[in-house]
Amino acid sequence: PTPVAALLQRAHHRLLTGGWCKDALADEDGAHCMLG
């Protein structure tokens, strides 16, 4: 129910469905790093 926790959960889901990358906020395939 809290905004920061919900944001972190959405970010986790984003990496799970969109892919994870390193050395960049986002890569050409649409994958993101944690901060991205």
PDB file of all heavy atoms in Angstrom:
ATOM      1  N   PRO A   1       0.804  -1.225   0.000  1.00  0.00           N
ATOM      2  CA  PRO A   1       0.000   0.000   0.000  1.00  0.00           C
ATOM      3  C   PRO A   1       0.838   1.277   0.000  1.00  0.00           C
ATOM      4  O   PRO A   1       0.332   2.354  -0.299  1.00  0.00           O
ATOM      5  CB  PRO A   1      -0.815  -0.125   1.290  1.00  0.00           C
ATOM      6  CG  PRO A   1       0.039  -0.944   2.202  1.00  0.00           C
ATOM      7  CD  PRO A   1       0.784  -1.894   1.300  1.00  0.00           C
ATOM      8  N   THR A   2       2.124   1.162   0.320  1.00  0.00           N
ATOM      9  CA  THR A   2       2.961   2.354   0.403  1.00  0.00           C
ATOM     10  C   THR A   2       3.562   2.653  -0.967  1.00  0.00           C
ATOM     11  O   THR A   2       3.849   1.743  -1.743  1.00  0.00           O
ATOM     12  CB  THR A   2       4.082   2.142   1.437  1.00  0.00           C
ATOM     13  OG1 THR A   2       4.869   1.019   1.054  1.00  0.00           O
ATOM     14  CG2 THR A   2       3.499   1.908   2.823  1.00  0.00           C
ATOM     15  N   PRO A   3       3.776   3.932  -1.298  1.00  0.00           N
ATOM     16  CA  PRO A   3       4.198   4.284  -2.655  1.00  0.00           C
ATOM     17  C   PRO A   3       5.588   3.780  -3.046  1.00  0.00           C
ATOM     18  O   PRO A   3       5.788   3.313  -4.174  1.00  0.00           O
ATOM     19  CB  PRO A   3       4.139   5.814  -2.676  1.00  0.00           C
ATOM     20  CG  PRO A   3       4.061   6.248  -1.266  1.00  0.00           C
ATOM     21  CD  PRO A   3       3.521   5.110  -0.476  1.00  0.00           C
ATOM     22  N   VAL A   4       6.568   3.849  -2.154  1.00  0.00           N
ATOM     23  CA  VAL A   4       7.924   3.410  -2.500  1.00  0.00           C
ATOM     24  C   VAL A   4       7.947   1.889  -2.692  1.00  0.00           C
ATOM     25  O   VAL A   4       8.544   1.381  -3.647  1.00  0.00           O
ATOM     26  CB  VAL A   4       8.946   3.860  -1.434  1.00  0.00           C
ATOM     27  CG1 VAL A   4      10.318   3.273  -1.697  1.00  0.00           C
ATOM     28  CG2 VAL A   4       9.031   5.385  -1.388  1.00  0.00           C
ATOM     29  N   ALA A   5       7.286   1.161  -1.802  1.00  0.00           N
ATOM     30  CA  ALA A   5       7.237  -0.299  -1.924  1.00  0.00           C
ATOM     31  C   ALA A   5       6.522  -0.707  -3.209  1.00  0.00           C
ATOM     32  O   ALA A   5       6.962  -1.620  -3.913  1.00  0.00           O
ATOM     33  CB  ALA A   5       6.547  -0.906  -0.706  1.00  0.00           C
ATOM     34  N   ALA A   6       5.428  -0.027  -3.536  1.00  0.00           N
ATOM     35  CA  ALA A   6       4.698  -0.334  -4.769  1.00  0.00           C
ATOM     36  C   ALA A   6       5.559  -0.027  -5.997  1.00  0.00           C
ATOM     37  O   ALA A   6       5.543  -0.778  -6.976  1.00  0.00           O
ATOM     38  CB  ALA A   6       3.394   0.447  -4.815  1.00  0.00           C
ATOM     39  N   LEU A   7       6.326   1.077  -5.947  1.00  0.00           N
ATOM     40  CA  LEU A   7       7.219   1.413  -7.054  1.00  0.00           C
ATOM     41  C   LEU A   7       8.293   0.341  -7.238  1.00  0.00           C
ATOM     42  O   LEU A   7       8.572  -0.088  -8.359  1.00  0.00           O
ATOM     43  CB  LEU A   7       7.883   2.777  -6.806  1.00  0.00           C
ATOM     44  CG  LEU A   7       9.029   3.153  -7.754  1.00  0.00           C
ATOM     45  CD1 LEU A   7       8.536   3.252  -9.186  1.00  0.00           C
ATOM     46  CD2 LEU A   7       9.672   4.453  -7.315  1.00  0.00           C
ATOM     47  N   LEU A   8       8.883  -0.123  -6.148  1.00  0.00           N
ATOM     48  CA  LEU A   8       9.903  -1.167  -6.237  1.00  0.00           C
ATOM     49  C   LEU A   8       9.317  -2.474  -6.774  1.00  0.00           C
ATOM     50  O   LEU A   8       9.963  -3.181  -7.543  1.00  0.00           O
ATOM     51  CB  LEU A   8      10.563  -1.368  -4.873  1.00  0.00           C
ATOM     52  CG  LEU A   8      11.465  -0.213  -4.438  1.00  0.00           C
ATOM     53  CD1 LEU A   8      11.781  -0.301  -2.949  1.00  0.00           C
ATOM     54  CD2 LEU A   8      12.737  -0.190  -5.267  1.00  0.00           C
ATOM     55  N   GLN A   9       8.083  -2.765  -6.404  1.00  0.00           N
ATOM     56  CA  GLN A   9       7.428  -3.960  -6.930  1.00  0.00           C
ATOM     57  C   GLN A   9       7.179  -3.822  -8.434  1.00  0.00           C
ATOM     58  O   GLN A   9       7.400  -4.760  -9.199  1.00  0.00           O
ATOM     59  CB  GLN A   9       6.116  -4.222  -6.207  1.00  0.00           C
ATOM     60  CG  GLN A   9       5.424  -5.461  -6.725  1.00  0.00           C
ATOM     61  CD  GLN A   9       4.008  -5.597  -6.225  1.00  0.00           C
ATOM     62  OE1 GLN A   9       3.394  -4.635  -5.804  1.00  0.00           O
ATOM     63  NE2 GLN A   9       3.491  -6.802  -6.279  1.00  0.00           N
ATOM     64  N   ARG A  10       6.730  -2.655  -8.874  1.00  0.00           N
ATOM     65  CA  ARG A  10       6.517  -2.432 -10.314  1.00  0.00           C
ATOM     66  C   ARG A  10       7.827  -2.511 -11.086  1.00  0.00           C
ATOM     67  O   ARG A  10       7.880  -3.027 -12.200  1.00  0.00           O
ATOM     68  CB  ARG A  10       5.836  -1.078 -10.541  1.00  0.00           C
ATOM     69  CG  ARG A  10       4.396  -1.024 -10.116  1.00  0.00           C
ATOM     70  CD  ARG A  10       3.679   0.215 -10.637  1.00  0.00           C
ATOM     71  NE  ARG A  10       4.380   1.467 -10.438  1.00  0.00           N
ATOM     72  CZ  ARG A  10       4.273   2.260  -9.372  1.00  0.00           C
ATOM     73  NH1 ARG A  10       3.469   1.927  -8.379  1.00  0.00           N
ATOM     74  NH2 ARG A  10       4.940   3.392  -9.308  1.00  0.00           N
ATOM     75  N   ALA A  11       8.914  -2.000 -10.491  1.00  0.00           N
ATOM     76  CA  ALA A  11      10.225  -2.075 -11.137  1.00  0.00           C
ATOM     77  C   ALA A  11      10.663  -3.534 -11.270  1.00  0.00           C
ATOM     78  O   ALA A  11      11.206  -3.936 -12.307  1.00  0.00           O
ATOM     79  CB  ALA A  11      11.252  -1.273 -10.345  1.00  0.00           C
ATOM     80  N   HIS A  12      10.418  -4.326 -10.247  1.00  0.00           N
ATOM     81  CA  HIS A  12      10.728  -5.759 -10.315  1.00  0.00           C
ATOM     82  C   HIS A  12       9.943  -6.414 -11.444  1.00  0.00           C
ATOM     83  O   HIS A  12      10.498  -7.176 -12.235  1.00  0.00           O
ATOM     84  CB  HIS A  12      10.405  -6.428  -8.972  1.00  0.00           C
ATOM     85  CG  HIS A  12      10.564  -7.912  -9.011  1.00  0.00           C
ATOM     86  ND1 HIS A  12       9.517  -8.759  -9.270  1.00  0.00           N
ATOM     87  CD2 HIS A  12      11.659  -8.696  -8.834  1.00  0.00           C
ATOM     88  CE1 HIS A  12       9.956 -10.005  -9.250  1.00  0.00           C
ATOM     89  NE2 HIS A  12      11.255  -9.995  -8.989  1.00  0.00           N
ATOM     90  N   HIS A  13       8.667  -6.112 -11.530  1.00  0.00           N
ATOM     91  CA  HIS A  13       7.831  -6.686 -12.586  1.00  0.00           C
ATOM     92  C   HIS A  13       8.310  -6.231 -13.969  1.00  0.00           C
ATOM     93  O   HIS A  13       8.299  -7.003 -14.922  1.00  0.00           O
ATOM     94  CB  HIS A  13       6.368  -6.305 -12.356  1.00  0.00           C
ATOM     95  CG  HIS A  13       5.438  -6.938 -13.332  1.00  0.00           C
ATOM     96  ND1 HIS A  13       5.151  -8.280 -13.318  1.00  0.00           N
ATOM     97  CD2 HIS A  13       4.750  -6.423 -14.374  1.00  0.00           C
ATOM     98  CE1 HIS A  13       4.312  -8.560 -14.293  1.00  0.00           C
ATOM     99  NE2 HIS A  13       4.058  -7.451 -14.953  1.00  0.00           N
ATOM    100  N   ARG A  14       8.765  -4.989 -14.050  1.00  0.00           N
ATOM    101  CA  ARG A  14       9.283  -4.462 -15.313  1.00  0.00           C
ATOM    102  C   ARG A  14      10.513  -5.253 -15.776  1.00  0.00           C
ATOM    103  O   ARG A  14      10.631  -5.611 -16.945  1.00  0.00           O
ATOM    104  CB  ARG A  14       9.628  -2.980 -15.135  1.00  0.00           C
ATOM    105  CG  ARG A  14      10.250  -2.304 -16.313  1.00  0.00           C
ATOM    106  CD  ARG A  14       9.194  -1.969 -17.303  1.00  0.00           C
ATOM    107  NE  ARG A  14       9.728  -1.210 -18.402  1.00  0.00           N
ATOM    108  CZ  ARG A  14       9.039  -0.327 -19.059  1.00  0.00           C
ATOM    109  NH1 ARG A  14       7.807  -0.069 -18.719  1.00  0.00           N
ATOM    110  NH2 ARG A  14       9.559   0.300 -20.078  1.00  0.00           N
ATOM    111  N   LEU A  15      11.412  -5.547 -14.844  1.00  0.00           N
ATOM    112  CA  LEU A  15      12.597  -6.332 -15.191  1.00  0.00           C
ATOM    113  C   LEU A  15      12.213  -7.770 -15.526  1.00  0.00           C
ATOM    114  O   LEU A  15      12.790  -8.377 -16.430  1.00  0.00           O
ATOM    115  CB  LEU A  15      13.606  -6.331 -14.047  1.00  0.00           C
ATOM    116  CG  LEU A  15      14.297  -5.007 -13.741  1.00  0.00           C
ATOM    117  CD1 LEU A  15      15.310  -5.197 -12.621  1.00  0.00           C
ATOM    118  CD2 LEU A  15      14.962  -4.436 -14.967  1.00  0.00           C
ATOM    119  N   LEU A  16      11.237  -8.286 -14.831  1.00  0.00           N
ATOM    120  CA  LEU A  16      10.802  -9.664 -15.063  1.00  0.00           C
ATOM    121  C   LEU A  16      10.193  -9.829 -16.446  1.00  0.00           C
ATOM    122  O   LEU A  16      10.457 -10.803 -17.138  1.00  0.00           O
ATOM    123  CB  LEU A  16       9.792 -10.057 -13.982  1.00  0.00           C
ATOM    124  CG  LEU A  16       9.410 -11.509 -13.857  1.00  0.00           C
ATOM    125  CD1 LEU A  16      10.617 -12.342 -13.464  1.00  0.00           C
ATOM    126  CD2 LEU A  16       8.316 -11.661 -12.812  1.00  0.00           C
ATOM    127  N   THR A  17       9.401  -8.865 -16.883  1.00  0.00           N
ATOM    128  CA  THR A  17       8.717  -8.986 -18.175  1.00  0.00           C
ATOM    129  C   THR A  17       9.490  -8.351 -19.324  1.00  0.00           C
ATOM    130  O   THR A  17       9.419  -8.832 -20.445  1.00  0.00           O
ATOM    131  CB  THR A  17       7.319  -8.356 -18.106  1.00  0.00           C
ATOM    132  OG1 THR A  17       7.444  -6.982 -17.724  1.00  0.00           O
ATOM    133  CG2 THR A  17       6.440  -9.102 -17.124  1.00  0.00           C
ATOM    134  N   GLY A  18      10.220  -7.272 -19.052  1.00  0.00           N
ATOM    135  CA  GLY A  18      10.908  -6.560 -20.124  1.00  0.00           C
ATOM    136  C   GLY A  18      12.358  -6.919 -20.305  1.00  0.00           C
ATOM    137  O   GLY A  18      12.964  -6.593 -21.317  1.00  0.00           O
ATOM    138  N   GLY A  19      12.932  -7.567 -19.307  1.00  0.00           N
ATOM    139  CA  GLY A  19      14.321  -7.968 -19.403  1.00  0.00           C
ATOM    140  C   GLY A  19      15.236  -7.091 -18.563  1.00  0.00           C
ATOM    141  O   GLY A  19      14.917  -5.953 -18.226  1.00  0.00           O
ATOM    142  N   TRP A  20      16.380  -7.646 -18.212  1.00  0.00           N
ATOM    143  CA  TRP A  20      17.377  -6.981 -17.399  1.00  0.00           C
ATOM    144  C   TRP A  20      18.625  -6.739 -18.240  1.00  0.00           C
ATOM    145  O   TRP A  20      18.965  -7.546 -19.105  1.00  0.00           O
ATOM    146  CB  TRP A  20      17.721  -7.867 -16.202  1.00  0.00           C
ATOM    147  CG  TRP A  20      18.868  -7.371 -15.377  1.00  0.00           C
ATOM    148  CD1 TRP A  20      18.819  -6.459 -14.379  1.00  0.00           C
ATOM    149  CD2 TRP A  20      20.237  -7.763 -15.491  1.00  0.00           C
ATOM    150  NE1 TRP A  20      20.070  -6.262 -13.860  1.00  0.00           N
ATOM    151  CE2 TRP A  20      20.970  -7.056 -14.524  1.00  0.00           C
ATOM    152  CE3 TRP A  20      20.912  -8.639 -16.319  1.00  0.00           C
ATOM    153  CZ2 TRP A  20      22.332  -7.200 -14.362  1.00  0.00           C
ATOM    154  CZ3 TRP A  20      22.287  -8.790 -16.169  1.00  0.00           C
ATOM    155  CH2 TRP A  20      22.981  -8.074 -15.190  1.00  0.00           C
ATOM    156  N   CYS A  21      19.289  -5.615 -17.988  1.00  0.00           N
ATOM    157  CA  CYS A  21      20.555  -5.343 -18.663  1.00  0.00           C
ATOM    158  C   CYS A  21      21.522  -4.728 -17.667  1.00  0.00           C
ATOM    159  O   CYS A  21      21.147  -4.364 -16.558  1.00  0.00           O
ATOM    160  CB  CYS A  21      20.357  -4.425 -19.867  1.00  0.00           C
ATOM    161  SG  CYS A  21      19.972  -2.712 -19.460  1.00  0.00           S
ATOM    162  N   LYS A  22      22.758  -4.599 -18.086  1.00  0.00           N
ATOM    163  CA  LYS A  22      23.763  -3.936 -17.251  1.00  0.00           C
ATOM    164  C   LYS A  22      24.556  -2.966 -18.113  1.00  0.00           C
ATOM    165  O   LYS A  22      24.471  -3.001 -19.337  1.00  0.00           O
ATOM    166  CB  LYS A  22      24.677  -4.956 -16.571  1.00  0.00           C
ATOM    167  CG  LYS A  22      25.550  -5.755 -17.491  1.00  0.00           C
ATOM    168  CD  LYS A  22      26.319  -6.770 -16.667  1.00  0.00           C
ATOM    169  CE  LYS A  22      27.729  -6.926 -17.167  1.00  0.00           C
ATOM    170  NZ  LYS A  22      28.555  -7.732 -16.304  1.00  0.00           N
ATOM    171  N   ASP A  23      25.256  -2.061 -17.467  1.00  0.00           N
ATOM    172  CA  ASP A  23      26.099  -1.055 -18.109  1.00  0.00           C
ATOM    173  C   ASP A  23      25.297   0.013 -18.847  1.00  0.00           C
ATOM    174  O   ASP A  23      25.869   0.788 -19.611  1.00  0.00           O
ATOM    175  CB  ASP A  23      27.110  -1.704 -19.072  1.00  0.00           C
ATOM    176  CG  ASP A  23      28.046  -2.673 -18.359  1.00  0.00           C
ATOM    177  OD1 ASP A  23      28.402  -2.394 -17.200  1.00  0.00           O
ATOM    178  OD2 ASP A  23      28.396  -3.704 -18.957  1.00  0.00           O
ATOM    179  N   ALA A  24      23.992   0.060 -18.670  1.00  0.00           N
ATOM    180  CA  ALA A  24      23.151   1.105 -19.278  1.00  0.00           C
ATOM    181  C   ALA A  24      21.806   1.122 -18.567  1.00  0.00           C
ATOM    182  O   ALA A  24      21.390   0.120 -17.989  1.00  0.00           O
ATOM    183  CB  ALA A  24      22.948   0.828 -20.761  1.00  0.00           C
ATOM    184  N   LEU A  25      21.139   2.284 -18.607  1.00  0.00           N
ATOM    185  CA  LEU A  25      19.789   2.339 -18.027  1.00  0.00           C
ATOM    186  C   LEU A  25      18.825   1.472 -18.824  1.00  0.00           C
ATOM    187  O   LEU A  25      17.931   0.848 -18.264  1.00  0.00           O
ATOM    188  CB  LEU A  25      19.271   3.782 -17.974  1.00  0.00           C
ATOM    189  CG  LEU A  25      19.929   4.695 -16.943  1.00  0.00           C
ATOM    190  CD1 LEU A  25      19.409   6.116 -17.088  1.00  0.00           C
ATOM    191  CD2 LEU A  25      19.673   4.189 -15.533  1.00  0.00           C
ATOM    192  N   ALA A  26      18.999   1.451 -20.148  1.00  0.00           N
ATOM    193  CA  ALA A  26      18.173   0.621 -21.032  1.00  0.00           C
ATOM    194  C   ALA A  26      19.016   0.236 -22.236  1.00  0.00           C
ATOM    195  O   ALA A  26      19.883   0.990 -22.660  1.00  0.00           O
ATOM    196  CB  ALA A  26      16.938   1.379 -21.476  1.00  0.00           C
ATOM    197  N   ASP A  27      18.759  -0.938 -22.777  1.00  0.00           N
ATOM    198  CA  ASP A  27      19.477  -1.344 -23.980  1.00  0.00           C
ATOM    199  C   ASP A  27      18.556  -1.271 -25.193  1.00  0.00           C
ATOM    200  O   ASP A  27      17.380  -0.909 -25.077  1.00  0.00           O
ATOM    201  CB  ASP A  27      20.115  -2.730 -23.819  1.00  0.00           C
ATOM    202  CG  ASP A  27      19.101  -3.861 -23.728  1.00  0.00           C
ATOM    203  OD1 ASP A  27      17.886  -3.616 -23.861  1.00  0.00           O
ATOM    204  OD2 ASP A  27      19.524  -5.011 -23.526  1.00  0.00           O
ATOM    205  N   GLU A  28      19.089  -1.605 -26.364  1.00  0.00           N
ATOM    206  CA  GLU A  28      18.317  -1.473 -27.604  1.00  0.00           C
ATOM    207  C   GLU A  28      17.149  -2.455 -27.680  1.00  0.00           C
ATOM    208  O   GLU A  28      16.220  -2.253 -28.455  1.00  0.00           O
ATOM    209  CB  GLU A  28      19.222  -1.642 -28.831  1.00  0.00           C
ATOM    210  CG  GLU A  28      19.897  -2.992 -28.950  1.00  0.00           C
ATOM    211  CD  GLU A  28      21.195  -3.111 -28.143  1.00  0.00           C
ATOM    212  OE1 GLU A  28      21.667  -2.116 -27.572  1.00  0.00           O
ATOM    213  OE2 GLU A  28      21.722  -4.232 -28.076  1.00  0.00           O
ATOM    214  N   ASP A  29      17.167  -3.521 -26.870  1.00  0.00           N
ATOM    215  CA  ASP A  29      16.071  -4.487 -26.873  1.00  0.00           C
ATOM    216  C   ASP A  29      14.941  -4.102 -25.919  1.00  0.00           C
ATOM    217  O   ASP A  29      13.936  -4.791 -25.848  1.00  0.00           O
ATOM    218  CB  ASP A  29      16.592  -5.875 -26.489  1.00  0.00           C
ATOM    219  CG  ASP A  29      17.569  -6.417 -27.514  1.00  0.00           C
ATOM    220  OD1 ASP A  29      17.407  -6.091 -28.703  1.00  0.00           O
ATOM    221  OD2 ASP A  29      18.485  -7.162 -27.121  1.00  0.00           O
ATOM    222  N   GLY A  30      15.128  -3.023 -25.151  1.00  0.00           N
ATOM    223  CA  GLY A  30      14.100  -2.585 -24.217  1.00  0.00           C
ATOM    224  C   GLY A  30      14.289  -3.091 -22.804  1.00  0.00           C
ATOM    225  O   GLY A  30      13.463  -2.822 -21.941  1.00  0.00           O
ATOM    226  N   ALA A  31      15.376  -3.813 -22.552  1.00  0.00           N
ATOM    227  CA  ALA A  31      15.666  -4.276 -21.199  1.00  0.00           C
ATOM    228  C   ALA A  31      16.215  -3.103 -20.386  1.00  0.00           C
ATOM    229  O   ALA A  31      16.785  -2.158 -20.934  1.00  0.00           O
ATOM    230  CB  ALA A  31      16.675  -5.413 -21.245  1.00  0.00           C
ATOM    231  N   HIS A  32      16.021  -3.144 -19.058  1.00  0.00           N
ATOM    232  CA  HIS A  32      16.455  -2.059 -18.169  1.00  0.00           C
ATOM    233  C   HIS A  32      17.320  -2.606 -17.052  1.00  0.00           C
ATOM    234  O   HIS A  32      17.232  -3.773 -16.694  1.00  0.00           O
ATOM    235  CB  HIS A  32      15.240  -1.359 -17.555  1.00  0.00           C
ATOM    236  CG  HIS A  32      14.474  -0.546 -18.534  1.00  0.00           C
ATOM    237  ND1 HIS A  32      13.522  -1.081 -19.373  1.00  0.00           N
ATOM    238  CD2 HIS A  32      14.517   0.773 -18.821  1.00  0.00           C
ATOM    239  CE1 HIS A  32      13.019  -0.134 -20.123  1.00  0.00           C
ATOM    240  NE2 HIS A  32      13.608   1.004 -19.814  1.00  0.00           N
ATOM    241  N   CYS A  33      18.122  -1.713 -16.485  1.00  0.00           N
ATOM    242  CA  CYS A  33      18.839  -2.043 -15.264  1.00  0.00           C
ATOM    243  C   CYS A  33      17.908  -1.726 -14.091  1.00  0.00           C
ATOM    244  O   CYS A  33      16.789  -1.257 -14.288  1.00  0.00           O
ATOM    245  CB  CYS A  33      20.143  -1.257 -15.160  1.00  0.00           C
ATOM    246  SG  CYS A  33      19.916   0.504 -14.822  1.00  0.00           S
ATOM    247  N   MET A  34      18.374  -1.966 -12.885  1.00  0.00           N
ATOM    248  CA  MET A  34      17.530  -1.727 -11.703  1.00  0.00           C
ATOM    249  C   MET A  34      17.088  -0.267 -11.629  1.00  0.00           C
ATOM    250  O   MET A  34      15.901   0.026 -11.458  1.00  0.00           O
ATOM    251  CB  MET A  34      18.289  -2.106 -10.428  1.00  0.00           C
ATOM    252  CG  MET A  34      18.655  -3.569 -10.339  1.00  0.00           C
ATOM    253  SD  MET A  34      19.876  -3.894  -9.051  1.00  0.00           S
ATOM    254  CE  MET A  34      18.884  -3.780  -7.598  1.00  0.00           C
ATOM    255  N   LEU A  35      18.047   0.653 -11.765  1.00  0.00           N
ATOM    256  CA  LEU A  35      17.726   2.079 -11.664  1.00  0.00           C
ATOM    257  C   LEU A  35      16.873   2.531 -12.849  1.00  0.00           C
ATOM    258  O   LEU A  35      15.972   3.357 -12.693  1.00  0.00           O
ATOM    259  CB  LEU A  35      19.019   2.898 -11.581  1.00  0.00           C
ATOM    260  CG  LEU A  35      18.874   4.351 -11.176  1.00  0.00           C
ATOM    261  CD1 LEU A  35      18.175   4.475  -9.831  1.00  0.00           C
ATOM    262  CD2 LEU A  35      20.227   5.027 -11.126  1.00  0.00           C
ATOM    263  N   GLY A  36      17.127   1.991 -14.035  1.00  0.00           N
ATOM    264  CA  GLY A  36      16.314   2.331 -15.199  1.00  0.00           C
ATOM    265  C   GLY A  36      14.868   1.894 -15.029  1.00  0.00           C
ATOM    266  O   GLY A  36      13.938   2.618 -15.409  1.00  0.00           O
TER     267      GLY A  36
END
